[in-house]
Amino acid sequence: MSRYFTEDHEWIDVDGNNAAVGITDYAQEQLGDVVFVEVPESGKELGKGDDAAVVESVKAASDVYAPVSGTVSEGNAALTDDPSLVNTDPEGEGWFFKLDLSDTSQLEGLMDEAAYKEFVANL
């Protein structure tokens, strides 16, 4: 499994043509305590950069974007009942949605972990 990152602070774990997407620890820290999450429905077609999900915290509301194009195979229903999973495990159990990728070549424009850490350090 390979993990990539976007400049909008999403992560994507890729396993073949399937992927899980969420927000990074950095994004969660910037948002503060997450109190509401809206995830996309299965079957929704997303283009790279499309609004895919919504996350609201005590500080702000923000969109979560699709890092690559694909079809949503699953939204994380656990976040509807317990949005605090994004606070406690944003890069694990707090994932937002899973995608069936339509164009794996789009992954080439994303950062690996080392590049993302450098990107965040320069913010």
PDB file of N, CA and C in Angstrom:
ATOM      1  N   MET A   1       0.846  -1.175   0.000  1.00  0.00           N
ATOM      2  CA  MET A   1       0.000   0.000   0.000  1.00  0.00           C
ATOM      3  C   MET A   1       0.895   1.243   0.000  1.00  0.00           C
ATOM      4  N   SER A   2       0.530   2.227  -0.811  1.00  0.00           N
ATOM      5  CA  SER A   2       1.286   3.468  -0.898  1.00  0.00           C
ATOM      6  C   SER A   2       0.426   4.619  -0.391  1.00  0.00           C
ATOM      7  N   ARG A   3       1.057   5.531   0.318  1.00  0.00           N
ATOM      8  CA  ARG A   3       0.349   6.709   0.830  1.00  0.00           C
ATOM      9  C   ARG A   3       0.892   7.959   0.152  1.00  0.00           C
ATOM     10  N   TYR A   4      -0.042   8.807  -0.284  1.00  0.00           N
ATOM     11  CA  TYR A   4       0.290  10.075  -0.928  1.00  0.00           C
ATOM     12  C   TYR A   4      -0.444  11.196  -0.202  1.00  0.00           C
ATOM     13  N   PHE A   5       0.024  12.440  -0.456  1.00  0.00           N
ATOM     14  CA  PHE A   5      -0.546  13.608   0.204  1.00  0.00           C
ATOM     15  C   PHE A   5      -0.781  14.727  -0.810  1.00  0.00           C
ATOM     16  N   THR A   6      -1.763  15.600  -0.499  1.00  0.00           N
ATOM     17  CA  THR A   6      -2.048  16.749  -1.356  1.00  0.00           C
ATOM     18  C   THR A   6      -1.661  18.033  -0.636  1.00  0.00           C
ATOM     19  N   GLU A   7      -1.582  19.126  -1.398  1.00  0.00           N
ATOM     20  CA  GLU A   7      -1.312  20.434  -0.796  1.00  0.00           C
ATOM     21  C   GLU A   7      -2.507  20.934   0.005  1.00  0.00           C
ATOM     22  N   ASP A   8      -3.674  20.299  -0.175  1.00  0.00           N
ATOM     23  CA  ASP A   8      -4.869  20.643   0.612  1.00  0.00           C
ATOM     24  C   ASP A   8      -4.963  19.801   1.882  1.00  0.00           C
ATOM     25  N   HIS A   9      -3.920  19.029   2.171  1.00  0.00           N
ATOM     26  CA  HIS A   9      -3.792  18.260   3.409  1.00  0.00           C
ATOM     27  C   HIS A   9      -4.730  17.051   3.470  1.00  0.00           C
ATOM     28  N   GLU A  10      -4.971  16.434   2.318  1.00  0.00           N
ATOM     29  CA  GLU A  10      -5.626  15.128   2.305  1.00  0.00           C
ATOM     30  C   GLU A  10      -4.542  14.064   2.144  1.00  0.00           C
ATOM     31  N   TRP A  11      -4.807  12.894   2.664  1.00  0.00           N
ATOM     32  CA  TRP A  11      -3.951  11.731   2.403  1.00  0.00           C
ATOM     33  C   TRP A  11      -4.783  10.718   1.619  1.00  0.00           C
ATOM     34  N   ILE A  12      -4.090   9.868   0.863  1.00  0.00           N
ATOM     35  CA  ILE A  12      -4.734   8.802   0.122  1.00  0.00           C
ATOM     36  C   ILE A  12      -3.850   7.564   0.212  1.00  0.00           C
ATOM     37  N   ASP A  13      -4.431   6.489   0.720  1.00  0.00           N
ATOM     38  CA  ASP A  13      -3.757   5.191   0.775  1.00  0.00           C
ATOM     39  C   ASP A  13      -4.220   4.387  -0.421  1.00  0.00           C
ATOM     40  N   VAL A  14      -3.280   3.991  -1.274  1.00  0.00           N
ATOM     41  CA  VAL A  14      -3.622   3.304  -2.512  1.00  0.00           C
ATOM     42  C   VAL A  14      -3.193   1.853  -2.440  1.00  0.00           C
ATOM     43  N   ASP A  15      -4.130   0.969  -2.803  1.00  0.00           N
ATOM     44  CA  ASP A  15      -3.872  -0.463  -2.887  1.00  0.00           C
ATOM     45  C   ASP A  15      -4.453  -0.930  -4.211  1.00  0.00           C
ATOM     46  N   GLY A  16      -3.604  -1.003  -5.240  1.00  0.00           N
ATOM     47  CA  GLY A  16      -4.085  -1.349  -6.574  1.00  0.00           C
ATOM     48  C   GLY A  16      -4.913  -0.207  -7.133  1.00  0.00           C
ATOM     49  N   ASN A  17      -6.178  -0.495  -7.473  1.00  0.00           N
ATOM     50  CA  ASN A  17      -7.081   0.534  -8.002  1.00  0.00           C
ATOM     51  C   ASN A  17      -8.043   1.048  -6.936  1.00  0.00           C
ATOM     52  N   ASN A  18      -7.805   0.679  -5.682  1.00  0.00           N
ATOM     53  CA  ASN A  18      -8.672   1.098  -4.584  1.00  0.00           C
ATOM     54  C   ASN A  18      -7.879   2.006  -3.646  1.00  0.00           C
ATOM     55  N   ALA A  19      -8.599   2.939  -3.001  1.00  0.00           N
ATOM     56  CA  ALA A  19      -7.910   3.875  -2.118  1.00  0.00           C
ATOM     57  C   ALA A  19      -8.841   4.356  -1.019  1.00  0.00           C
ATOM     58  N   ALA A  20      -8.247   4.704   0.122  1.00  0.00           N
ATOM     59  CA  ALA A  20      -8.956   5.358   1.223  1.00  0.00           C
ATOM     60  C   ALA A  20      -8.424   6.782   1.299  1.00  0.00           C
ATOM     61  N   VAL A  21      -9.316   7.738   1.633  1.00  0.00           N
ATOM     62  CA  VAL A  21      -8.949   9.154   1.665  1.00  0.00           C
ATOM     63  C   VAL A  21      -9.370   9.758   3.002  1.00  0.00           C
ATOM     64  N   GLY A  22      -8.518  10.612   3.548  1.00  0.00           N
ATOM     65  CA  GLY A  22      -8.836  11.324   4.782  1.00  0.00           C
ATOM     66  C   GLY A  22      -8.046  12.612   4.850  1.00  0.00           C
ATOM     67  N   ILE A  23      -8.100  13.271   5.999  1.00  0.00           N
ATOM     68  CA  ILE A  23      -7.312  14.489   6.193  1.00  0.00           C
ATOM     69  C   ILE A  23      -6.119  14.173   7.087  1.00  0.00           C
ATOM     70  N   THR A  24      -5.080  14.958   6.946  1.00  0.00           N
ATOM     71  CA  THR A  24      -3.838  14.718   7.683  1.00  0.00           C
ATOM     72  C   THR A  24      -3.931  15.204   9.135  1.00  0.00           C
ATOM     73  N   ASP A  25      -2.979  14.759   9.927  1.00  0.00           N
ATOM     74  CA  ASP A  25      -2.860  15.246  11.307  1.00  0.00           C
ATOM     75  C   ASP A  25      -2.767  16.766  11.314  1.00  0.00           C
ATOM     76  N   TYR A  26      -1.988  17.322  10.368  1.00  0.00           N
ATOM     77  CA  TYR A  26      -1.824  18.777  10.300  1.00  0.00           C
ATOM     78  C   TYR A  26      -3.174  19.460  10.086  1.00  0.00           C
ATOM     79  N   ALA A  27      -3.963  18.946   9.135  1.00  0.00           N
ATOM     80  CA  ALA A  27      -5.275  19.539   8.857  1.00  0.00           C
ATOM     81  C   ALA A  27      -6.173  19.459  10.087  1.00  0.00           C
ATOM     82  N   GLN A  28      -6.157  18.328  10.754  1.00  0.00           N
ATOM     83  CA  GLN A  28      -6.998  18.168  11.944  1.00  0.00           C
ATOM     84  C   GLN A  28      -6.570  19.149  13.030  1.00  0.00           C
ATOM     85  N   GLU A  29      -5.273  19.333  13.211  1.00  0.00           N
ATOM     86  CA  GLU A  29      -4.786  20.276  14.226  1.00  0.00           C
ATOM     87  C   GLU A  29      -5.235  21.699  13.895  1.00  0.00           C
ATOM     88  N   GLN A  30      -5.226  22.059  12.610  1.00  0.00           N
ATOM     89  CA  GLN A  30      -5.643  23.396  12.200  1.00  0.00           C
ATOM     90  C   GLN A  30      -7.139  23.604  12.432  1.00  0.00           C
ATOM     91  N   LEU A  31      -7.917  22.556  12.213  1.00  0.00           N
ATOM     92  CA  LEU A  31      -9.368  22.647  12.387  1.00  0.00           C
ATOM     93  C   LEU A  31      -9.780  22.703  13.854  1.00  0.00           C
ATOM     94  N   GLY A  32      -9.073  21.979  14.697  1.00  0.00           N
ATOM     95  CA  GLY A  32      -9.489  21.843  16.092  1.00  0.00           C
ATOM     96  C   GLY A  32     -10.476  20.696  16.225  1.00  0.00           C
ATOM     97  N   ASP A  33     -11.293  20.720  17.268  1.00  0.00           N
ATOM     98  CA  ASP A  33     -12.205  19.610  17.536  1.00  0.00           C
ATOM     99  C   ASP A  33     -13.276  19.497  16.456  1.00  0.00           C
ATOM    100  N   VAL A  34     -13.270  18.376  15.755  1.00  0.00           N
ATOM    101  CA  VAL A  34     -14.254  18.118  14.703  1.00  0.00           C
ATOM    102  C   VAL A  34     -15.574  17.705  15.352  1.00  0.00           C
ATOM    103  N   VAL A  35     -16.662  18.355  14.911  1.00  0.00           N
ATOM    104  CA  VAL A  35     -17.974  18.095  15.512  1.00  0.00           C
ATOM    105  C   VAL A  35     -18.992  17.544  14.511  1.00  0.00           C
ATOM    106  N   PHE A  36     -18.672  17.619  13.212  1.00  0.00           N
ATOM    107  CA  PHE A  36     -19.606  17.129  12.196  1.00  0.00           C
ATOM    108  C   PHE A  36     -18.822  16.758  10.949  1.00  0.00           C
ATOM    109  N   VAL A  37     -19.222  15.636  10.333  1.00  0.00           N
ATOM    110  CA  VAL A  37     -18.616  15.201   9.072  1.00  0.00           C
ATOM    111  C   VAL A  37     -19.722  14.734   8.147  1.00  0.00           C
ATOM    112  N   GLU A  38     -19.638  15.156   6.888  1.00  0.00           N
ATOM    113  CA  GLU A  38     -20.549  14.659   5.856  1.00  0.00           C
ATOM    114  C   GLU A  38     -19.696  13.961   4.807  1.00  0.00           C
ATOM    115  N   VAL A  39     -19.932  12.661   4.611  1.00  0.00           N
ATOM    116  CA  VAL A  39     -19.148  11.880   3.656  1.00  0.00           C
ATOM    117  C   VAL A  39     -19.973  11.624   2.395  1.00  0.00           C
ATOM    118  N   PRO A  40     -19.306  11.369   1.274  1.00  0.00           N
ATOM    119  CA  PRO A  40     -20.046  11.125   0.034  1.00  0.00           C
ATOM    120  C   PRO A  40     -20.711   9.747   0.029  1.00  0.00           C
ATOM    121  N   GLU A  41     -21.763   9.623  -0.784  1.00  0.00           N
ATOM    122  CA  GLU A  41     -22.470   8.352  -0.910  1.00  0.00           C
ATOM    123  C   GLU A  41     -21.751   7.434  -1.888  1.00  0.00           C
ATOM    124  N   SER A  42     -21.911   6.130  -1.678  1.00  0.00           N
ATOM    125  CA  SER A  42     -21.368   5.143  -2.611  1.00  0.00           C
ATOM    126  C   SER A  42     -21.925   5.399  -3.998  1.00  0.00           C
ATOM    127  N   GLY A  43     -21.084   5.238  -5.004  1.00  0.00           N
ATOM    128  CA  GLY A  43     -21.501   5.413  -6.382  1.00  0.00           C
ATOM    129  C   GLY A  43     -21.274   6.808  -6.925  1.00  0.00           C
ATOM    130  N   LYS A  44     -20.953   7.771  -6.054  1.00  0.00           N
ATOM    131  CA  LYS A  44     -20.727   9.146  -6.518  1.00  0.00           C
ATOM    132  C   LYS A  44     -19.435   9.201  -7.328  1.00  0.00           C
ATOM    133  N   GLU A  45     -19.529   9.820  -8.503  1.00  0.00           N
ATOM    134  CA  GLU A  45     -18.357  10.009  -9.355  1.00  0.00           C
ATOM    135  C   GLU A  45     -17.656  11.296  -8.934  1.00  0.00           C
ATOM    136  N   LEU A  46     -16.353  11.215  -8.728  1.00  0.00           N
ATOM    137  CA  LEU A  46     -15.570  12.388  -8.341  1.00  0.00           C
ATOM    138  C   LEU A  46     -14.436  12.604  -9.326  1.00  0.00           C
ATOM    139  N   GLY A  47     -14.240  13.850  -9.715  1.00  0.00           N
ATOM    140  CA  GLY A  47     -13.072  14.215 -10.499  1.00  0.00           C
ATOM    141  C   GLY A  47     -11.992  14.718  -9.567  1.00  0.00           C
ATOM    142  N   LYS A  48     -10.757  14.670 -10.015  1.00  0.00           N
ATOM    143  CA  LYS A  48      -9.652  15.172  -9.198  1.00  0.00           C
ATOM    144  C   LYS A  48      -9.936  16.614  -8.808  1.00  0.00           C
ATOM    145  N   GLY A  49      -9.869  16.915  -7.509  1.00  0.00           N
ATOM    146  CA  GLY A  49     -10.090  18.263  -7.000  1.00  0.00           C
ATOM    147  C   GLY A  49     -11.532  18.591  -6.664  1.00  0.00           C
ATOM    148  N   ASP A  50     -12.463  17.672  -6.963  1.00  0.00           N
ATOM    149  CA  ASP A  50     -13.875  17.920  -6.645  1.00  0.00           C
ATOM    150  C   ASP A  50     -14.110  17.920  -5.137  1.00  0.00           C
ATOM    151  N   ASP A  51     -15.107  18.708  -4.693  1.00  0.00           N
ATOM    152  CA  ASP A  51     -15.548  18.645  -3.302  1.00  0.00           C
ATOM    153  C   ASP A  51     -16.110  17.252  -3.065  1.00  0.00           C
ATOM    154  N   ALA A  52     -15.585  16.559  -2.071  1.00  0.00           N
ATOM    155  CA  ALA A  52     -16.023  15.191  -1.827  1.00  0.00           C
ATOM    156  C   ALA A  52     -16.734  15.037  -0.488  1.00  0.00           C
ATOM    157  N   ALA A  53     -16.283  15.772   0.521  1.00  0.00           N
ATOM    158  CA  ALA A  53     -16.840  15.644   1.867  1.00  0.00           C
ATOM    159  C   ALA A  53     -16.753  17.002   2.558  1.00  0.00           C
ATOM    160  N   VAL A  54     -17.444  17.111   3.684  1.00  0.00           N
ATOM    161  CA  VAL A  54     -17.432  18.335   4.484  1.00  0.00           C
ATOM    162  C   VAL A  54     -17.029  17.962   5.904  1.00  0.00           C
ATOM    163  N   VAL A  55     -16.184  18.788   6.491  1.00  0.00           N
ATOM    164  CA  VAL A  55     -15.799  18.598   7.885  1.00  0.00           C
ATOM    165  C   VAL A  55     -15.986  19.927   8.602  1.00  0.00           C
ATOM    166  N   GLU A  56     -16.663  19.878   9.755  1.00  0.00           N
ATOM    167  CA  GLU A  56     -16.880  21.086  10.552  1.00  0.00           C
ATOM    168  C   GLU A  56     -16.283  20.884  11.928  1.00  0.00           C
ATOM    169  N   SER A  57     -15.648  21.951  12.404  1.00  0.00           N
ATOM    170  CA  SER A  57     -15.068  21.920  13.745  1.00  0.00           C
ATOM    171  C   SER A  57     -15.629  23.084  14.537  1.00  0.00           C
ATOM    172  N   VAL A  58     -15.181  23.190  15.768  1.00  0.00           N
ATOM    173  CA  VAL A  58     -15.606  24.323  16.587  1.00  0.00           C
ATOM    174  C   VAL A  58     -15.060  25.628  16.019  1.00  0.00           C
ATOM    175  N   LYS A  59     -13.997  25.561  15.195  1.00  0.00           N
ATOM    176  CA  LYS A  59     -13.377  26.752  14.621  1.00  0.00           C
ATOM    177  C   LYS A  59     -13.888  27.093  13.224  1.00  0.00           C
ATOM    178  N   ALA A  60     -14.103  26.073  12.381  1.00  0.00           N
ATOM    179  CA  ALA A  60     -14.364  26.346  10.963  1.00  0.00           C
ATOM    180  C   ALA A  60     -15.011  25.156  10.282  1.00  0.00           C
ATOM    181  N   ALA A  61     -15.505  25.402   9.071  1.00  0.00           N
ATOM    182  CA  ALA A  61     -15.985  24.333   8.188  1.00  0.00           C
ATOM    183  C   ALA A  61     -15.045  24.293   6.996  1.00  0.00           C
ATOM    184  N   SER A  62     -14.833  23.106   6.464  1.00  0.00           N
ATOM    185  CA  SER A  62     -13.914  22.960   5.351  1.00  0.00           C
ATOM    186  C   SER A  62     -14.371  21.829   4.449  1.00  0.00           C
ATOM    187  N   ASP A  63     -14.033  21.942   3.174  1.00  0.00           N
ATOM    188  CA  ASP A  63     -14.297  20.860   2.243  1.00  0.00           C
ATOM    189  C   ASP A  63     -13.116  19.910   2.235  1.00  0.00           C
ATOM    190  N   VAL A  64     -13.403  18.658   1.939  1.00  0.00           N
ATOM    191  CA  VAL A  64     -12.379  17.652   1.690  1.00  0.00           C
ATOM    192  C   VAL A  64     -12.481  17.342   0.208  1.00  0.00           C
ATOM    193  N   TYR A  65     -11.354  17.426  -0.495  1.00  0.00           N
ATOM    194  CA  TYR A  65     -11.344  17.277  -1.943  1.00  0.00           C
ATOM    195  C   TYR A  65     -10.874  15.882  -2.353  1.00  0.00           C
ATOM    196  N   ALA A  66     -11.316  15.465  -3.532  1.00  0.00           N
ATOM    197  CA  ALA A  66     -10.858  14.193  -4.085  1.00  0.00           C
ATOM    198  C   ALA A  66      -9.436  14.386  -4.620  1.00  0.00           C
ATOM    199  N   PRO A  67      -8.461  13.639  -4.089  1.00  0.00           N
ATOM    200  CA  PRO A  67      -7.081  13.815  -4.560  1.00  0.00           C
ATOM    201  C   PRO A  67      -6.877  13.299  -5.987  1.00  0.00           C
ATOM    202  N   VAL A  68      -7.729  12.368  -6.404  1.00  0.00           N
ATOM    203  CA  VAL A  68      -7.697  11.788  -7.749  1.00  0.00           C
ATOM    204  C   VAL A  68      -9.129  11.486  -8.169  1.00  0.00           C
ATOM    205  N   SER A  69      -9.326  11.191  -9.436  1.00  0.00           N
ATOM    206  CA  SER A  69     -10.656  10.859  -9.945  1.00  0.00           C
ATOM    207  C   SER A  69     -11.018   9.417  -9.615  1.00  0.00           C
ATOM    208  N   GLY A  70     -12.320   9.194  -9.413  1.00  0.00           N
ATOM    209  CA  GLY A  70     -12.776   7.835  -9.164  1.00  0.00           C
ATOM    210  C   GLY A  70     -14.231   7.807  -8.737  1.00  0.00           C
ATOM    211  N   THR A  71     -14.675   6.607  -8.396  1.00  0.00           N
ATOM    212  CA  THR A  71     -16.039   6.389  -7.936  1.00  0.00           C
ATOM    213  C   THR A  71     -15.996   6.014  -6.462  1.00  0.00           C
ATOM    214  N   VAL A  72     -16.814   6.678  -5.662  1.00  0.00           N
ATOM    215  CA  VAL A  72     -16.852   6.379  -4.226  1.00  0.00           C
ATOM    216  C   VAL A  72     -17.404   4.961  -4.034  1.00  0.00           C
ATOM    217  N   SER A  73     -16.632   4.125  -3.364  1.00  0.00           N
ATOM    218  CA  SER A  73     -17.099   2.766  -3.067  1.00  0.00           C
ATOM    219  C   SER A  73     -17.697   2.684  -1.672  1.00  0.00           C
ATOM    220  N   GLU A  74     -17.306   3.638  -0.812  1.00  0.00           N
ATOM    221  CA  GLU A  74     -17.817   3.621   0.569  1.00  0.00           C
ATOM    222  C   GLU A  74     -17.516   4.948   1.246  1.00  0.00           C
ATOM    223  N   GLY A  75     -18.500   5.467   1.970  1.00  0.00           N
ATOM    224  CA  GLY A  75     -18.274   6.591   2.873  1.00  0.00           C
ATOM    225  C   GLY A  75     -18.128   6.009   4.271  1.00  0.00           C
ATOM    226  N   ASN A  76     -17.326   6.625   5.108  1.00  0.00           N
ATOM    227  CA  ASN A  76     -17.113   6.118   6.464  1.00  0.00           C
ATOM    228  C   ASN A  76     -18.303   6.487   7.346  1.00  0.00           C
ATOM    229  N   ALA A  77     -19.272   5.563   7.423  1.00  0.00           N
ATOM    230  CA  ALA A  77     -20.494   5.804   8.196  1.00  0.00           C
ATOM    231  C   ALA A  77     -20.209   6.042   9.677  1.00  0.00           C
ATOM    232  N   ALA A  78     -19.099   5.508  10.177  1.00  0.00           N
ATOM    233  CA  ALA A  78     -18.756   5.692  11.594  1.00  0.00           C
ATOM    234  C   ALA A  78     -18.576   7.165  11.935  1.00  0.00           C
ATOM    235  N   LEU A  79     -18.176   7.984  10.960  1.00  0.00           N
ATOM    236  CA  LEU A  79     -17.961   9.412  11.227  1.00  0.00           C
ATOM    237  C   LEU A  79     -19.267  10.161  11.453  1.00  0.00           C
ATOM    238  N   THR A  80     -20.359   9.658  10.888  1.00  0.00           N
ATOM    239  CA  THR A  80     -21.665  10.291  11.101  1.00  0.00           C
ATOM    240  C   THR A  80     -22.048  10.207  12.577  1.00  0.00           C
ATOM    241  N   ASP A  81     -21.818   9.031  13.167  1.00  0.00           N
ATOM    242  CA  ASP A  81     -22.150   8.811  14.574  1.00  0.00           C
ATOM    243  C   ASP A  81     -21.086   9.353  15.517  1.00  0.00           C
ATOM    244  N   ASP A  82     -19.823   9.331  15.070  1.00  0.00           N
ATOM    245  CA  ASP A  82     -18.721   9.713  15.946  1.00  0.00           C
ATOM    246  C   ASP A  82     -17.672  10.518  15.178  1.00  0.00           C
ATOM    247  N   PRO A  83     -17.976  11.796  14.872  1.00  0.00           N
ATOM    248  CA  PRO A  83     -17.008  12.601  14.114  1.00  0.00           C
ATOM    249  C   PRO A  83     -15.688  12.802  14.852  1.00  0.00           C
ATOM    250  N   SER A  84     -15.665  12.550  16.154  1.00  0.00           N
ATOM    251  CA  SER A  84     -14.424  12.732  16.912  1.00  0.00           C
ATOM    252  C   SER A  84     -13.342  11.735  16.503  1.00  0.00           C
ATOM    253  N   LEU A  85     -13.698  10.700  15.716  1.00  0.00           N
ATOM    254  CA  LEU A  85     -12.668   9.791  15.187  1.00  0.00           C
ATOM    255  C   LEU A  85     -11.640  10.571  14.374  1.00  0.00           C
ATOM    256  N   VAL A  86     -12.075  11.668  13.749  1.00  0.00           N
ATOM    257  CA  VAL A  86     -11.148  12.496  12.979  1.00  0.00           C
ATOM    258  C   VAL A  86     -10.151  13.169  13.927  1.00  0.00           C
ATOM    259  N   ASN A  87     -10.577  13.483  15.148  1.00  0.00           N
ATOM    260  CA  ASN A  87      -9.676  14.098  16.127  1.00  0.00           C
ATOM    261  C   ASN A  87      -8.668  13.093  16.660  1.00  0.00           C
ATOM    262  N   THR A  88      -9.129  11.888  16.949  1.00  0.00           N
ATOM    263  CA  THR A  88      -8.277  10.912  17.619  1.00  0.00           C
ATOM    264  C   THR A  88      -7.408  10.101  16.656  1.00  0.00           C
ATOM    265  N   ASP A  89      -7.868   9.904  15.409  1.00  0.00           N
ATOM    266  CA  ASP A  89      -7.107   9.077  14.468  1.00  0.00           C
ATOM    267  C   ASP A  89      -7.349   9.537  13.031  1.00  0.00           C
ATOM    268  N   PRO A  90      -6.943  10.794  12.700  1.00  0.00           N
ATOM    269  CA  PRO A  90      -7.254  11.327  11.375  1.00  0.00           C
ATOM    270  C   PRO A  90      -6.627  10.547  10.220  1.00  0.00           C
ATOM    271  N   GLU A  91      -5.494   9.911  10.473  1.00  0.00           N
ATOM    272  CA  GLU A  91      -4.822   9.187   9.397  1.00  0.00           C
ATOM    273  C   GLU A  91      -5.032   7.674   9.513  1.00  0.00           C
ATOM    274  N   GLY A  92      -6.116   7.283  10.205  1.00  0.00           N
ATOM    275  CA  GLY A  92      -6.438   5.866  10.357  1.00  0.00           C
ATOM    276  C   GLY A  92      -7.935   5.667  10.326  1.00  0.00           C
ATOM    277  N   GLU A  93      -8.526   5.377  11.507  1.00  0.00           N
ATOM    278  CA  GLU A  93      -9.965   5.115  11.594  1.00  0.00           C
ATOM    279  C   GLU A  93     -10.823   6.316  11.210  1.00  0.00           C
ATOM    280  N   GLY A  94     -10.225   7.499  11.166  1.00  0.00           N
ATOM    281  CA  GLY A  94     -10.951   8.709  10.797  1.00  0.00           C
ATOM    282  C   GLY A  94     -10.977   8.980   9.297  1.00  0.00           C
ATOM    283  N   TRP A  95     -10.754   7.955   8.479  1.00  0.00           N
ATOM    284  CA  TRP A  95     -10.821   8.137   7.012  1.00  0.00           C
ATOM    285  C   TRP A  95     -12.223   8.590   6.613  1.00  0.00           C
ATOM    286  N   PHE A  96     -12.332   9.276   5.481  1.00  0.00           N
ATOM    287  CA  PHE A  96     -13.605   9.856   5.034  1.00  0.00           C
ATOM    288  C   PHE A  96     -14.327   8.990   4.013  1.00  0.00           C
ATOM    289  N   PHE A  97     -13.603   8.532   2.988  1.00  0.00           N
ATOM    290  CA  PHE A  97     -14.257   7.730   1.951  1.00  0.00           C
ATOM    291  C   PHE A  97     -13.230   6.861   1.239  1.00  0.00           C
ATOM    292  N   LYS A  98     -13.758   5.843   0.550  1.00  0.00           N
ATOM    293  CA  LYS A  98     -12.933   4.964  -0.265  1.00  0.00           C
ATOM    294  C   LYS A  98     -13.331   5.147  -1.721  1.00  0.00           C
ATOM    295  N   LEU A  99     -12.330   5.055  -2.586  1.00  0.00           N
ATOM    296  CA  LEU A  99     -12.514   5.293  -4.013  1.00  0.00           C
ATOM    297  C   LEU A  99     -12.049   4.100  -4.834  1.00  0.00           C
ATOM    298  N   ASP A 100     -12.756   3.843  -5.937  1.00  0.00           N
ATOM    299  CA  ASP A 100     -12.248   2.996  -7.001  1.00  0.00           C
ATOM    300  C   ASP A 100     -11.635   3.971  -8.003  1.00  0.00           C
ATOM    301  N   LEU A 101     -10.328   3.930  -8.163  1.00  0.00           N
ATOM    302  CA  LEU A 101      -9.621   4.913  -8.976  1.00  0.00           C
ATOM    303  C   LEU A 101      -9.922   4.732 -10.462  1.00  0.00           C
ATOM    304  N   SER A 102     -10.093   5.859 -11.159  1.00  0.00           N
ATOM    305  CA  SER A 102     -10.335   5.778 -12.596  1.00  0.00           C
ATOM    306  C   SER A 102      -9.084   6.121 -13.407  1.00  0.00           C
ATOM    307  N   ASP A 103      -8.091   6.768 -12.777  1.00  0.00           N
ATOM    308  CA  ASP A 103      -6.878   7.158 -13.502  1.00  0.00           C
ATOM    309  C   ASP A 103      -5.708   7.187 -12.523  1.00  0.00           C
ATOM    310  N   THR A 104      -5.014   6.060 -12.397  1.00  0.00           N
ATOM    311  CA  THR A 104      -3.923   5.976 -11.416  1.00  0.00           C
ATOM    312  C   THR A 104      -2.749   6.887 -11.772  1.00  0.00           C
ATOM    313  N   SER A 105      -2.664   7.359 -13.019  1.00  0.00           N
ATOM    314  CA  SER A 105      -1.563   8.258 -13.385  1.00  0.00           C
ATOM    315  C   SER A 105      -1.669   9.585 -12.630  1.00  0.00           C
ATOM    316  N   GLN A 106      -2.867   9.935 -12.126  1.00  0.00           N
ATOM    317  CA  GLN A 106      -3.031  11.175 -11.360  1.00  0.00           C
ATOM    318  C   GLN A 106      -2.253  11.142 -10.045  1.00  0.00           C
ATOM    319  N   LEU A 107      -1.896   9.956  -9.576  1.00  0.00           N
ATOM    320  CA  LEU A 107      -1.136   9.842  -8.331  1.00  0.00           C
ATOM    321  C   LEU A 107       0.254  10.462  -8.470  1.00  0.00           C
ATOM    322  N   GLU A 108       0.760  10.538  -9.698  1.00  0.00           N
ATOM    323  CA  GLU A 108       2.109  11.049  -9.928  1.00  0.00           C
ATOM    324  C   GLU A 108       2.257  12.506  -9.504  1.00  0.00           C
ATOM    325  N   GLY A 109       1.167  13.269  -9.466  1.00  0.00           N
ATOM    326  CA  GLY A 109       1.240  14.668  -9.079  1.00  0.00           C
ATOM    327  C   GLY A 109       1.163  14.896  -7.580  1.00  0.00           C
ATOM    328  N   LEU A 110       1.036  13.823  -6.798  1.00  0.00           N
ATOM    329  CA  LEU A 110       0.904  13.944  -5.345  1.00  0.00           C
ATOM    330  C   LEU A 110       2.252  13.784  -4.658  1.00  0.00           C
ATOM    331  N   MET A 111       2.316  14.191  -3.396  1.00  0.00           N
ATOM    332  CA  MET A 111       3.554  14.111  -2.621  1.00  0.00           C
ATOM    333  C   MET A 111       3.638  12.800  -1.845  1.00  0.00           C
ATOM    334  N   ASP A 112       4.875  12.321  -1.667  1.00  0.00           N
ATOM    335  CA  ASP A 112       5.080  11.213  -0.740  1.00  0.00           C
ATOM    336  C   ASP A 112       5.220  11.808   0.667  1.00  0.00           C
ATOM    337  N   GLU A 113       5.390  10.958   1.660  1.00  0.00           N
ATOM    338  CA  GLU A 113       5.403  11.441   3.044  1.00  0.00           C
ATOM    339  C   GLU A 113       6.533  12.430   3.310  1.00  0.00           C
ATOM    340  N   ALA A 114       7.726  12.150   2.788  1.00  0.00           N
ATOM    341  CA  ALA A 114       8.866  13.049   3.015  1.00  0.00           C
ATOM    342  C   ALA A 114       8.608  14.422   2.399  1.00  0.00           C
ATOM    343  N   ALA A 115       8.068  14.456   1.179  1.00  0.00           N
ATOM    344  CA  ALA A 115       7.779  15.732   0.515  1.00  0.00           C
ATOM    345  C   ALA A 115       6.682  16.482   1.261  1.00  0.00           C
ATOM    346  N   TYR A 116       5.683  15.752   1.775  1.00  0.00           N
ATOM    347  CA  TYR A 116       4.604  16.412   2.514  1.00  0.00           C
ATOM    348  C   TYR A 116       5.130  17.014   3.816  1.00  0.00           C
ATOM    349  N   LYS A 117       5.983  16.291   4.530  1.00  0.00           N
ATOM    350  CA  LYS A 117       6.545  16.822   5.777  1.00  0.00           C
ATOM    351  C   LYS A 117       7.332  18.103   5.505  1.00  0.00           C
ATOM    352  N   GLU A 118       8.080  18.123   4.411  1.00  0.00           N
ATOM    353  CA  GLU A 118       8.830  19.322   4.039  1.00  0.00           C
ATOM    354  C   GLU A 118       7.873  20.462   3.683  1.00  0.00           C
ATOM    355  N   PHE A 119       6.797  20.140   2.955  1.00  0.00           N
ATOM    356  CA  PHE A 119       5.788  21.131   2.576  1.00  0.00           C
ATOM    357  C   PHE A 119       5.182  21.778   3.827  1.00  0.00           C
ATOM    358  N   VAL A 120       4.794  20.956   4.812  1.00  0.00           N
ATOM    359  CA  VAL A 120       4.191  21.465   6.038  1.00  0.00           C
ATOM    360  C   VAL A 120       5.200  22.289   6.848  1.00  0.00           C
ATOM    361  N   ALA A 121       6.449  21.854   6.861  1.00  0.00           N
ATOM    362  CA  ALA A 121       7.471  22.574   7.618  1.00  0.00           C
ATOM    363  C   ALA A 121       7.692  23.983   7.068  1.00  0.00           C
ATOM    364  N   ASN A 122       7.389  24.185   5.796  1.00  0.00           N
ATOM    365  CA  ASN A 122       7.605  25.492   5.164  1.00  0.00           C
ATOM    366  C   ASN A 122       6.359  26.373   5.171  1.00  0.00           C
ATOM    367  N   LEU A 123       5.275  25.925   5.823  1.00  0.00           N
ATOM    368  CA  LEU A 123       4.060  26.735   5.869  1.00  0.00           C
ATOM    369  C   LEU A 123       4.164  27.832   6.926  1.00  0.00           C
TER     370      LEU A 123
END
